[in-house]
Structures are given as C-alpha cells and as structure tokens.
Amino acid sequence: MDVRIVFGNRHEIVPARGNSENTHKWTMFVKIGNKGINANSLIEKVRFGLHPTFGMDYMDIKAGPSQKFEMGFTGWGTFGIPVTIHFKRELCLEPEKRQM
C-alpha cells in the first residue's frame, strides 16, 4: 500500500497583546494524504522539536478521535522544526525523521 504523508505548517500574523512581541501564530501538522486511511491506524505519535526558548526540547503529539497530529503556538520569530513520526509498533517500521 502506498501511503502519502503530508507535513507542514500554517502561519498568520496576529496583533501583539500587551507587552508581548509574539505576532506569529503557527500550527505544525502531520497528516495522511490518502483519502480513507485513518492516521491513527498507522501513526503512534509525532515528535515536534522546539526552539530552546520554549524551555523544552520537543513535544510529543498523539492524535485523538480527530486524527490530527498538530501543535500550535504564538511566538516572535521563525525557527526550524525537526519532525519524527513514530509508526505503530505492529507495522515494524522505523521512525521517519524530517526537518521543517
């Protein structure tokens, strides 16, 4: 079976609030590009790497019933995000790593 995995981000400029310099609202995502394939049946979790200013190295996301593997924040700039997809153990696949 050929499975297409789509990953990327959505971004918008938002007004800063109070003394905050955070004007970038973004959401990282990983999804299955094939219609009719349940992402939860293939992917256990997605690990998104974070910039040191977040105070943690990464965030693991497990999809709920929505089948969405995504996370979002409001921040002040841009940075690269390493993404590691952990497939279901029973598939016997190695984690897939990419850099955004």
Protein backbone atom coordinates (compact mmCIF):
# COMPACT_ATOMS: atom_id res chain seq x y z
CA MET A 1 0.00 0.00 0.00
CA ASP A 2 1.32 3.44 -0.89
CA VAL A 3 0.73 5.99 1.85
CA ARG A 4 1.32 9.70 1.35
CA ILE A 5 2.37 11.60 4.48
CA VAL A 6 1.89 15.36 4.38
CA PHE A 7 3.64 17.68 6.83
CA GLY A 8 3.99 21.42 7.08
CA ASN A 9 2.68 24.45 8.89
CA ARG A 10 0.03 27.12 8.82
CA HIS A 11 1.03 30.67 9.74
CA GLU A 12 -0.59 34.04 10.25
CA ILE A 13 0.48 37.42 11.60
CA VAL A 14 -1.56 38.44 14.64
CA PRO A 15 -1.57 41.66 16.68
CA ALA A 16 0.73 41.69 19.72
CA ARG A 17 -1.06 41.78 23.06
CA GLY A 18 0.16 43.90 25.96
CA ASN A 19 3.96 43.91 26.23
CA SER A 20 4.29 40.74 24.19
CA GLU A 21 6.34 40.63 20.99
CA ASN A 22 4.51 37.48 19.85
CA THR A 23 2.99 38.29 16.48
CA HIS A 24 3.35 34.94 14.68
CA LYS A 25 0.61 32.34 15.15
CA TRP A 26 1.62 28.99 13.69
CA THR A 27 0.49 25.38 13.68
CA MET A 28 2.69 22.42 12.72
CA PHE A 29 0.96 19.33 11.35
CA VAL A 30 1.47 15.81 10.03
CA LYS A 31 -1.37 14.04 8.25
CA ILE A 32 -2.11 11.21 5.86
CA GLY A 33 -2.71 12.49 2.33
CA ASN A 34 -4.67 9.42 1.17
CA LYS A 35 -8.45 9.59 1.46
CA GLY A 36 -9.94 6.81 3.55
CA ILE A 37 -6.79 5.96 5.54
CA ASN A 38 -7.08 6.55 9.27
CA ALA A 39 -3.93 8.28 10.56
CA ASN A 40 -4.42 6.67 13.98
CA SER A 41 -4.12 3.21 12.43
CA LEU A 42 -0.57 3.99 11.19
CA ILE A 43 0.95 6.64 13.46
CA GLU A 44 1.53 6.23 17.20
CA LYS A 45 2.82 9.75 17.81
CA VAL A 46 4.62 12.67 16.18
CA ARG A 47 7.54 14.37 17.92
CA PHE A 48 7.99 18.05 17.05
CA GLY A 49 11.35 19.58 18.03
CA LEU A 50 11.20 23.02 19.62
CA HIS A 51 13.45 26.08 19.81
CA PRO A 52 15.37 26.41 23.12
CA THR A 53 13.30 29.47 24.06
CA PHE A 54 10.31 27.15 24.64
CA GLY A 55 12.05 25.62 27.66
CA MET A 56 11.70 22.06 26.35
CA ASP A 57 13.42 20.15 23.57
CA TYR A 58 10.32 18.64 21.96
CA MET A 59 6.62 17.96 22.24
CA ASP A 60 5.05 14.56 21.55
CA ILE A 61 1.58 14.63 20.00
CA LYS A 62 -0.81 11.68 19.93
CA ALA A 63 -3.94 12.07 17.86
CA GLY A 64 -7.33 11.73 19.43
CA PRO A 65 -10.55 10.89 17.60
CA SER A 66 -9.93 13.90 15.32
CA GLN A 67 -6.91 12.06 13.80
CA LYS A 68 -4.97 15.33 13.96
CA PHE A 69 -1.27 15.32 14.75
CA GLU A 70 -0.69 19.04 15.21
CA MET A 71 0.50 21.65 17.68
CA GLY A 72 0.39 25.41 17.61
CA PHE A 73 1.83 28.38 19.43
CA THR A 74 2.11 32.12 19.17
CA GLY A 75 5.70 33.37 19.05
CA TRP A 76 8.00 36.16 17.96
CA GLY A 77 10.04 34.64 15.14
CA THR A 78 10.89 31.68 12.98
CA PHE A 79 12.97 28.54 13.50
CA GLY A 80 13.45 25.08 12.02
CA ILE A 81 11.41 22.24 13.49
CA PRO A 82 12.62 18.64 13.31
CA VAL A 83 9.71 16.20 13.00
CA THR A 84 9.87 12.49 13.88
CA ILE A 85 6.95 10.23 13.01
CA HIS A 86 6.64 7.15 15.21
CA PHE A 87 4.61 4.48 13.45
CA LYS A 88 2.51 1.86 15.22
CA ARG A 89 4.78 -0.87 16.59
CA GLU A 90 2.89 -3.66 14.81
CA LEU A 91 3.84 -2.12 11.43
CA CYS A 92 7.54 -2.84 12.14
CA LEU A 93 8.65 0.47 10.59
CA GLU A 94 11.48 2.70 11.75
CA PRO A 95 10.65 6.28 12.86
CA GLU A 96 10.67 8.72 9.95
CA LYS A 97 12.63 11.94 10.57
CA ARG A 98 12.35 15.20 8.63
CA GLN A 99 13.42 18.83 9.16
CA MET A 100 10.99 21.70 8.56
